[in-house]
Amino acid sequence: MQHEVACTERSRSEVACTERSRNEIACTERSRTEVACTERSRNEVACTERNRSEVADVLRKVGSKIESYGLNTWQLRTLYAIKKCRTAELGGHIDACDDCGNITISYNSCRNRHCPKCQGNKREDWIQARETELLPVPYFHVVFTLPSSINALAMHQPKMVYDTLFEATWETLQTFGKAKEMQMGMIAVLHTWGQQLSLHPHLHCIVPGGGVDKDGQWQNSRADGKFLFPVRALSKVFRAKYCAKLKAKSPILYEQIRQDLWKKSWVVFAKKPFGSPKSVVEYLGSYTHKIAISNNRIKSINNENVTFVYKDYRVAGVKKQMTLTHQEFIRRFALHILPKRFTSSVRPLGSGVKIRHYGFLSSTWKRKKLQLLQEKLKVKVLEKAEKKTFMPKCPCCKTGNLHRIAVFDQRGPPAWYLGGSQNTIPCKS
């Protein structure tokens, strides 16, 4: 009898052990499921953030074949930087959310001025700096465009062609300003592309509708402030200034294209004055840090071709799609990689700079006389706002801020992160 009871107790113990084992297995499976769900949530967030095709995707498709495309070393260096942007190859950091506690990895950006993913913060900084320099006067948007006959020269000697474009544009405006005995001002931004990524060098210029006379007083170019200068006259003077400079710098090359340069009228386009000075800065800000093509214009990429959207201005800006091979797309994109030492830094009358300030908008003039002119025009001088620390939002809960808790190089995240200490809290739907 005692033996039977002992057997029964042992059976019960074995059943209990079996149940406990099943529970442990269930817990293990549940833990694995939770981790898998967390990883899936992270992957879904990552996919959502990269649900569009990118220029970098095209570069990854072609791989090492890009070295046979006839690009120079500077262009290749820039394209490699774009391809590595926000990938493990540049290292990264681990961030924790101060709301939901989610831990995420962010990879470092390349910070190249031709990269589609690295221009947002630079644009905002530029706008903030310019807002302190505004005057209560009319502002005009004027575009100076080079003819297509100079494109071949621009491909072989871009720095000379683009420097000359800046110089001729400023001297053209100065000519009209001096006729009215006033010092003009100008902010000019170089763009080299058309909507189809073809070579199309032109300057977007913001020009105040007047200038400073010899007594330091403001003078409008016209009393009503609704007109800057005659566009046809600007066009003729601009062509003459550019051709004279090109002839002086490279007489042999000038003679080769001289007839084509003078055969057609050059294009200078002036838009109506802006509604308010502040709208000027925001408008120009949309041009300052643009690149040849943004990622959101790329619609699809397959193993052979790239399809992107463009506006056809010949039919009122209707949106159309264009498909190019990988090689042709990269060739066109590389046309707009500015030569070495052509940066986005802002220097007065600087050579080799994409954004340039001239006249009473130059840095030298602003340091000494801008505040005095603003006082004469009864402008409330704004002090430069302190640069705010950028706090990225959590991709999981969308409300919390991310705080950096660790950094790592291209070898990857630290062992403690890979060892299973990642947060297992699923993202909020």
Protein backbone atom coordinates (compact mmCIF):
# COMPACT_ATOMS: atom_id res chain seq x y z
CA MET A 1 0.00 0.00 0.00
CA GLN A 2 2.78 2.41 0.97
CA HIS A 3 4.62 1.44 -2.18
CA GLU A 4 1.55 2.32 -4.32
CA VAL A 5 1.20 5.72 -2.58
CA ALA A 6 4.89 6.43 -3.24
CA CYS A 7 4.43 5.57 -6.90
CA THR A 8 1.40 7.84 -7.08
CA GLU A 9 3.33 10.71 -5.50
CA ARG A 10 6.20 10.14 -7.90
CA SER A 11 3.76 10.15 -10.83
CA ARG A 12 2.28 13.43 -9.61
CA SER A 13 5.80 14.91 -9.33
CA GLU A 14 6.61 13.78 -12.83
CA VAL A 15 3.37 15.33 -14.13
CA ALA A 16 4.20 18.55 -12.26
CA CYS A 17 7.69 18.57 -13.77
CA THR A 18 6.23 17.98 -17.20
CA GLU A 19 3.79 20.86 -16.72
CA ARG A 20 6.60 23.08 -15.47
CA SER A 21 8.71 22.15 -18.49
CA ARG A 22 5.81 22.94 -20.79
CA ASN A 23 5.35 26.31 -19.08
CA GLU A 24 9.05 27.07 -19.39
CA ILE A 25 8.94 26.17 -23.07
CA ALA A 26 5.83 28.31 -23.50
CA CYS A 27 7.56 31.24 -21.74
CA THR A 28 10.61 30.78 -23.91
CA GLU A 29 8.46 30.70 -27.04
CA ARG A 30 6.57 33.78 -25.83
CA SER A 31 9.84 35.62 -25.19
CA ARG A 32 11.07 34.69 -28.62
CA THR A 33 7.81 35.86 -30.12
CA GLU A 34 8.02 39.17 -28.26
CA VAL A 35 11.58 39.72 -29.45
CA ALA A 36 10.56 38.76 -32.99
CA CYS A 37 7.61 41.15 -32.81
CA THR A 38 9.88 43.92 -31.61
CA GLU A 39 12.36 43.27 -34.41
CA ARG A 40 9.50 43.12 -36.90
CA SER A 41 8.17 46.43 -35.58
CA ARG A 42 11.60 47.98 -35.96
CA ASN A 43 11.88 46.62 -39.47
CA GLU A 44 8.42 47.94 -40.33
CA VAL A 45 9.41 51.39 -39.06
CA ALA A 46 12.63 51.24 -41.06
CA CYS A 47 10.74 50.15 -44.16
CA THR A 48 8.23 52.95 -43.68
CA GLU A 49 11.06 55.45 -43.43
CA ARG A 50 12.63 54.06 -46.62
CA ASN A 51 9.57 53.22 -48.63
CA ARG A 52 10.83 55.29 -51.53
CA SER A 53 13.63 54.63 -53.95
CA GLU A 54 16.78 56.68 -53.56
CA VAL A 55 19.73 57.87 -55.60
CA ALA A 56 21.85 55.65 -53.33
CA ASP A 57 19.85 52.60 -54.46
CA VAL A 58 20.91 53.20 -58.05
CA LEU A 59 24.56 53.43 -56.95
CA ARG A 60 24.23 50.14 -55.07
CA LYS A 61 22.71 48.48 -58.14
CA VAL A 62 25.67 49.35 -60.37
CA GLY A 63 28.32 48.57 -57.72
CA SER A 64 31.90 48.60 -58.99
CA LYS A 65 30.75 49.07 -62.62
CA ILE A 66 30.55 52.79 -61.88
CA GLU A 67 34.34 53.03 -62.25
CA SER A 68 33.98 52.30 -65.96
CA TYR A 69 31.51 55.17 -66.55
CA GLY A 70 34.20 57.77 -67.33
CA LEU A 71 33.71 59.87 -64.18
CA ASN A 72 36.55 61.79 -62.56
CA THR A 73 37.91 60.98 -59.11
CA TRP A 74 36.06 63.87 -57.44
CA GLN A 75 32.72 62.72 -58.86
CA LEU A 76 33.39 59.12 -57.81
CA ARG A 77 34.33 60.23 -54.31
CA THR A 78 31.08 62.18 -54.00
CA LEU A 79 28.96 59.28 -55.29
CA TYR A 80 30.62 56.83 -52.88
CA ALA A 81 29.77 59.18 -50.01
CA ILE A 82 26.12 59.32 -51.10
CA LYS A 83 25.98 55.53 -51.36
CA LYS A 84 27.33 55.10 -47.81
CA CYS A 85 25.10 57.79 -46.27
CA ARG A 86 23.17 56.51 -43.24
CA THR A 87 24.51 52.99 -43.54
CA ALA A 88 26.66 50.86 -41.25
CA GLU A 89 29.74 51.80 -43.30
CA LEU A 90 29.78 55.26 -41.68
CA GLY A 91 29.14 54.02 -38.15
CA GLY A 92 26.26 55.28 -36.06
CA HIS A 93 24.74 55.73 -32.62
CA ILE A 94 22.16 54.13 -30.35
CA ASP A 95 19.26 56.31 -29.21
CA ALA A 96 16.72 55.82 -26.42
CA CYS A 97 13.25 57.38 -26.40
CA ASP A 98 12.39 59.43 -23.29
CA ASP A 99 8.72 58.44 -23.61
CA CYS A 100 8.24 54.81 -24.65
CA GLY A 101 11.77 53.64 -23.83
CA ASN A 102 12.33 52.19 -27.28
CA ILE A 103 15.99 51.78 -28.27
CA THR A 104 16.92 52.35 -31.92
CA ILE A 105 20.00 52.47 -34.09
CA SER A 106 20.70 55.48 -36.33
CA TYR A 107 23.52 55.46 -38.85
CA ASN A 108 25.62 58.55 -39.55
CA SER A 109 25.03 60.78 -42.57
CA CYS A 110 27.71 61.67 -45.12
CA ARG A 111 27.03 65.46 -44.92
CA ASN A 112 27.95 65.85 -48.56
CA ARG A 113 26.29 68.88 -50.12
CA HIS A 114 25.19 66.80 -53.14
CA CYS A 115 23.43 64.17 -51.01
CA PRO A 116 19.61 64.16 -51.20
CA LYS A 117 19.34 63.24 -47.49
CA CYS A 118 21.69 65.82 -45.94
CA GLN A 119 20.32 69.27 -46.83
CA GLY A 120 17.33 69.91 -44.51
CA ASN A 121 19.09 71.28 -41.42
CA LYS A 122 21.50 73.38 -43.51
CA ARG A 123 18.57 75.08 -45.21
CA GLU A 124 16.90 75.99 -41.90
CA ASP A 125 20.15 77.41 -40.51
CA TRP A 126 20.60 79.55 -43.62
CA ILE A 127 17.07 80.94 -43.42
CA GLN A 128 17.47 81.90 -39.75
CA ALA A 129 20.70 83.77 -40.48
CA ARG A 130 19.18 85.75 -43.37
CA GLU A 131 16.05 86.80 -41.44
CA THR A 132 18.15 89.16 -39.31
CA GLU A 133 19.34 91.02 -42.44
CA LEU A 134 16.02 91.94 -44.05
CA LEU A 135 15.06 95.46 -45.08
CA PRO A 136 11.51 96.87 -45.57
CA VAL A 137 12.04 97.32 -49.32
CA PRO A 138 10.83 95.53 -52.49
CA TYR A 139 12.75 92.37 -53.42
CA PHE A 140 12.91 90.78 -56.87
CA HIS A 141 13.76 87.25 -58.04
CA VAL A 142 15.94 87.48 -61.15
CA VAL A 143 17.26 84.45 -63.06
CA PHE A 144 20.34 84.70 -65.33
CA THR A 145 20.73 81.70 -67.67
CA LEU A 146 23.64 80.61 -69.85
CA PRO A 147 22.85 79.38 -73.39
CA SER A 148 23.20 75.69 -74.27
CA SER A 149 26.11 76.49 -76.61
CA ILE A 150 28.35 76.83 -73.56
CA ASN A 151 27.45 73.42 -72.07
CA ALA A 152 30.42 71.57 -73.60
CA LEU A 153 32.81 74.09 -72.05
CA ALA A 154 30.98 73.82 -68.72
CA MET A 155 31.57 70.05 -68.65
CA HIS A 156 35.33 70.43 -69.17
CA GLN A 157 36.00 73.65 -67.26
CA PRO A 158 33.06 74.05 -64.85
CA LYS A 159 34.83 76.26 -62.33
CA MET A 160 35.77 78.88 -64.93
CA VAL A 161 32.30 78.85 -66.50
CA TYR A 162 30.47 79.15 -63.16
CA ASP A 163 32.82 81.77 -61.70
CA THR A 164 32.38 83.84 -64.84
CA LEU A 165 28.60 83.51 -64.55
CA PHE A 166 28.68 85.02 -61.05
CA GLU A 167 31.04 87.80 -62.10
CA ALA A 168 29.09 88.80 -65.22
CA THR A 169 25.76 88.76 -63.37
CA TRP A 170 27.00 91.04 -60.59
CA GLU A 171 28.71 93.45 -63.01
CA THR A 172 25.48 93.62 -65.02
CA LEU A 173 23.47 94.73 -61.98
CA GLN A 174 26.23 97.12 -60.93
CA THR A 175 26.09 98.78 -64.35
CA PHE A 176 22.40 99.59 -63.89
CA GLY A 177 22.92 100.64 -60.27
CA LYS A 178 25.76 103.02 -61.08
CA ALA A 179 23.56 104.70 -63.71
CA LYS A 180 21.30 105.70 -60.80
CA GLU A 181 24.28 106.47 -58.53
CA MET A 182 23.53 103.75 -55.97
CA GLN A 183 25.21 100.68 -54.54
CA MET A 184 23.22 97.56 -55.34
CA GLY A 185 23.04 94.30 -53.41
CA MET A 186 22.48 90.69 -54.47
CA ILE A 187 22.32 87.13 -53.15
CA ALA A 188 23.01 84.60 -55.92
CA VAL A 189 22.56 80.82 -55.86
CA LEU A 190 24.02 78.60 -58.58
CA HIS A 191 21.92 75.82 -60.12
CA THR A 192 23.27 73.71 -62.97
CA TRP A 193 20.37 71.40 -63.84
CA GLY A 194 17.11 71.24 -65.70
CA GLN A 195 14.14 69.05 -64.78
CA GLN A 196 15.45 66.16 -66.89
CA LEU A 197 18.90 66.37 -65.24
CA SER A 198 20.39 67.97 -68.35
CA LEU A 199 23.08 70.63 -67.99
CA HIS A 200 21.39 74.02 -67.59
CA PRO A 201 23.60 76.52 -65.67
CA HIS A 202 21.74 79.50 -64.22
CA LEU A 203 21.74 81.82 -61.22
CA HIS A 204 18.77 82.46 -58.95
CA CYS A 205 19.27 85.97 -57.60
CA ILE A 206 17.40 87.88 -54.93
CA VAL A 207 17.87 91.58 -55.66
CA PRO A 208 16.52 94.39 -53.44
CA GLY A 209 14.66 96.89 -55.61
CA GLY A 210 17.09 99.74 -55.11
CA GLY A 211 20.34 100.56 -53.37
CA VAL A 212 22.31 102.83 -51.08
CA ASP A 213 23.28 106.29 -52.35
CA LYS A 214 26.52 108.16 -51.57
CA ASP A 215 25.00 109.55 -48.35
CA GLY A 216 24.10 106.09 -47.07
CA GLN A 217 20.36 106.59 -47.69
CA TRP A 218 18.09 104.02 -49.30
CA GLN A 219 16.90 104.74 -52.84
CA ASN A 220 14.35 102.68 -54.80
CA SER A 221 15.17 101.86 -58.42
CA ARG A 222 11.69 103.16 -59.16
CA ALA A 223 9.41 105.22 -56.97
CA ASP A 224 6.55 102.68 -56.90
CA GLY A 225 8.88 99.74 -56.17
CA LYS A 226 7.13 97.57 -58.78
CA PHE A 227 9.90 97.42 -61.33
CA LEU A 228 13.62 96.71 -61.19
CA PHE A 229 15.26 97.19 -64.60
CA PRO A 230 14.21 96.42 -68.21
CA VAL A 231 14.73 92.68 -68.80
CA ARG A 232 15.82 93.06 -72.43
CA ALA A 233 18.46 95.58 -71.48
CA LEU A 234 19.65 93.32 -68.65
CA SER A 235 19.92 90.43 -71.12
CA LYS A 236 22.06 92.38 -73.62
CA VAL A 237 24.43 93.73 -70.99
CA PHE A 238 24.72 90.29 -69.35
CA ARG A 239 25.70 88.65 -72.65
CA ALA A 240 28.27 91.34 -73.42
CA LYS A 241 29.80 91.10 -69.91
CA TYR A 242 30.02 87.31 -70.00
CA CYS A 243 31.52 87.09 -73.47
CA ALA A 244 34.11 89.75 -72.67
CA LYS A 245 35.21 87.87 -69.56
CA LEU A 246 35.28 84.51 -71.32
CA LYS A 247 37.39 85.99 -74.14
CA ALA A 248 39.86 87.40 -71.61
CA LYS A 249 40.14 84.12 -69.69
CA SER A 250 40.21 81.67 -72.59
CA PRO A 251 40.48 83.39 -76.00
CA ILE A 252 40.95 80.17 -77.99
CA LEU A 253 37.89 78.46 -76.52
CA TYR A 254 35.89 81.67 -76.88
CA GLU A 255 36.63 81.87 -80.61
CA GLN A 256 35.43 78.29 -81.07
CA ILE A 257 31.93 79.13 -79.79
CA ARG A 258 31.77 82.88 -80.44
CA GLN A 259 29.20 82.70 -83.25
CA ASP A 260 26.86 80.47 -81.26
CA LEU A 261 27.10 82.76 -78.21
CA TRP A 262 26.02 85.84 -80.17
CA LYS A 263 23.50 84.13 -82.49
CA LYS A 264 20.61 84.12 -80.00
CA SER A 265 19.36 86.40 -77.26
CA TRP A 266 20.28 85.33 -73.73
CA VAL A 267 17.58 84.72 -71.15
CA VAL A 268 17.16 86.94 -68.10
CA PHE A 269 13.89 86.46 -66.27
CA ALA A 270 12.57 88.76 -63.52
CA LYS A 271 9.58 87.82 -61.37
CA LYS A 272 7.19 90.24 -59.70
CA PRO A 273 8.26 91.66 -56.31
CA PHE A 274 7.60 89.55 -53.23
CA GLY A 275 4.68 90.19 -50.92
CA SER A 276 6.87 90.76 -47.84
CA PRO A 277 10.59 90.73 -47.00
CA LYS A 278 10.22 87.59 -44.89
CA SER A 279 8.71 85.66 -47.78
CA VAL A 280 11.87 86.47 -49.74
CA VAL A 281 14.09 84.47 -47.40
CA GLU A 282 11.73 81.51 -47.23
CA TYR A 283 11.43 81.51 -51.02
CA LEU A 284 15.17 81.69 -51.63
CA GLY A 285 15.70 79.08 -48.92
CA SER A 286 13.90 76.61 -51.16
CA TYR A 287 16.67 77.15 -53.74
CA THR A 288 19.81 77.41 -51.61
CA HIS A 289 20.27 73.75 -50.69
CA LYS A 290 18.54 72.06 -53.57
CA ILE A 291 20.31 69.32 -55.47
CA ALA A 292 19.87 68.00 -59.01
CA ILE A 293 17.11 65.53 -58.04
CA SER A 294 15.44 64.71 -54.73
CA ASN A 295 14.65 61.15 -53.69
CA ASN A 296 10.91 61.74 -53.73
CA ARG A 297 11.03 62.30 -57.51
CA ILE A 298 12.35 58.77 -58.11
CA LYS A 299 9.41 56.45 -58.71
CA SER A 300 11.04 53.09 -59.41
CA ILE A 301 14.37 51.34 -59.86
CA ASN A 302 14.87 47.92 -61.42
CA ASN A 303 17.99 46.03 -62.47
CA GLU A 304 18.41 48.13 -65.60
CA ASN A 305 16.49 51.41 -65.43
CA VAL A 306 15.46 54.35 -63.23
CA THR A 307 12.10 56.11 -63.61
CA PHE A 308 11.61 59.61 -62.19
CA VAL A 309 9.11 62.47 -62.39
CA TYR A 310 9.86 65.82 -64.02
CA LYS A 311 7.92 68.96 -64.91
CA ASP A 312 7.65 69.87 -68.58
CA TYR A 313 7.64 73.66 -68.59
CA ARG A 314 6.97 73.71 -72.34
CA VAL A 315 3.41 72.59 -71.55
CA ALA A 316 2.67 74.63 -68.42
CA GLY A 317 4.68 72.48 -66.00
CA VAL A 318 2.75 69.25 -66.58
CA LYS A 319 4.27 66.34 -64.65
CA LYS A 320 5.66 63.53 -66.77
CA GLN A 321 7.87 60.49 -66.24
CA MET A 322 11.24 59.71 -67.76
CA THR A 323 13.08 56.37 -67.75
CA LEU A 324 16.88 56.21 -68.06
CA THR A 325 19.40 53.41 -67.79
CA HIS A 326 21.47 53.31 -64.60
CA GLN A 327 24.53 54.55 -66.45
CA GLU A 328 22.76 57.47 -68.10
CA PHE A 329 21.04 58.47 -64.84
CA ILE A 330 24.38 58.49 -62.98
CA ARG A 331 26.09 60.34 -65.84
CA ARG A 332 23.46 63.09 -65.73
CA PHE A 333 23.52 63.27 -61.92
CA ALA A 334 27.33 63.56 -61.95
CA LEU A 335 27.12 66.59 -64.30
CA HIS A 336 25.85 68.57 -61.33
CA ILE A 337 28.55 67.59 -58.84
CA LEU A 338 30.31 70.91 -58.45
CA PRO A 339 34.08 70.92 -58.87
CA LYS A 340 36.41 70.63 -55.90
CA ARG A 341 36.41 73.70 -53.61
CA PHE A 342 32.95 74.68 -54.86
CA THR A 343 31.17 74.40 -51.48
CA SER A 344 27.94 75.75 -50.00
CA SER A 345 29.85 78.07 -47.68
CA VAL A 346 28.75 81.68 -47.85
CA ARG A 347 31.58 84.14 -48.45
CA PRO A 348 31.45 87.68 -49.86
CA LEU A 349 32.65 87.77 -53.46
CA GLY A 350 34.21 84.36 -52.86
CA SER A 351 35.56 82.34 -55.72
CA GLY A 352 34.36 78.77 -55.93
CA VAL A 353 31.28 79.18 -53.74
CA LYS A 354 27.73 78.13 -54.64
CA ILE A 355 25.99 80.90 -52.64
CA ARG A 356 27.47 84.39 -52.91
CA HIS A 357 26.55 87.75 -51.40
CA TYR A 358 27.40 91.00 -53.15
CA GLY A 359 27.27 94.77 -52.61
CA PHE A 360 25.53 95.93 -49.47
CA LEU A 361 24.54 92.31 -48.78
CA SER A 362 28.17 91.16 -48.63
CA SER A 363 29.59 90.11 -45.27
CA THR A 364 32.07 93.02 -45.18
CA TRP A 365 29.34 95.60 -45.73
CA LYS A 366 26.92 93.93 -43.33
CA ARG A 367 29.43 93.86 -40.47
CA LYS A 368 29.94 97.62 -40.65
CA LYS A 369 26.87 99.29 -42.11
CA LEU A 370 23.81 97.01 -42.20
CA GLN A 371 22.57 97.82 -38.71
CA LEU A 372 22.90 101.56 -39.40
CA LEU A 373 20.85 101.21 -42.59
CA GLN A 374 18.20 99.18 -40.76
CA GLU A 375 17.95 101.92 -38.13
CA LYS A 376 17.48 104.57 -40.84
CA LEU A 377 14.68 102.49 -42.33
CA LYS A 378 13.20 102.00 -38.82
CA VAL A 379 13.64 98.24 -38.86
CA LYS A 380 13.40 96.41 -35.57
CA VAL A 381 16.74 94.66 -35.58
CA LEU A 382 16.39 90.99 -34.74
CA GLU A 383 19.14 89.32 -32.82
CA LYS A 384 20.30 86.02 -34.16
CA ALA A 385 18.39 83.26 -32.44
CA GLU A 386 20.41 80.69 -30.60
CA LYS A 387 20.75 77.53 -32.58
CA LYS A 388 18.38 74.96 -31.14
CA THR A 389 19.66 71.50 -30.44
CA PHE A 390 18.10 69.12 -32.92
CA MET A 391 16.05 66.48 -31.07
CA PRO A 392 14.84 63.73 -33.40
CA LYS A 393 11.44 62.19 -32.71
CA CYS A 394 11.04 58.55 -31.82
CA PRO A 395 9.99 56.49 -34.88
CA CYS A 396 8.11 54.12 -32.56
CA CYS A 397 5.77 56.28 -30.44
CA LYS A 398 6.10 59.42 -32.63
CA THR A 399 5.95 61.70 -29.54
CA GLY A 400 9.09 61.14 -27.47
CA ASN A 401 12.53 62.59 -28.17
CA LEU A 402 15.53 60.40 -28.89
CA HIS A 403 18.62 60.74 -26.68
CA ARG A 404 22.00 59.36 -27.68
CA ILE A 405 23.30 56.74 -25.27
CA ALA A 406 26.15 55.16 -27.27
CA VAL A 407 28.15 55.59 -30.47
CA PHE A 408 29.89 53.01 -32.63
CA ASP A 409 32.08 52.86 -35.72
CA GLN A 410 31.78 50.76 -38.87
CA ARG A 411 32.47 47.60 -36.87
CA GLY A 412 28.87 47.77 -35.70
CA PRO A 413 26.84 48.19 -32.48
CA PRO A 414 28.43 47.25 -29.12
CA ALA A 415 28.17 43.73 -27.72
CA TRP A 416 25.70 44.68 -25.00
CA TYR A 417 23.20 45.80 -27.66
CA LEU A 418 23.67 42.68 -29.76
CA GLY A 419 23.62 40.47 -26.65
CA GLY A 420 19.89 40.81 -26.17
CA SER A 421 19.51 43.93 -24.04
CA GLN A 422 17.43 45.64 -26.72
CA ASN A 423 14.09 46.93 -25.62
CA THR A 424 11.36 44.36 -26.21
CA ILE A 425 8.43 46.75 -25.87
CA PRO A 426 6.45 46.57 -29.13
CA CYS A 427 5.95 49.88 -30.95
CA LYS A 428 2.60 51.56 -30.53
CA SER A 429 0.41 51.12 -33.55
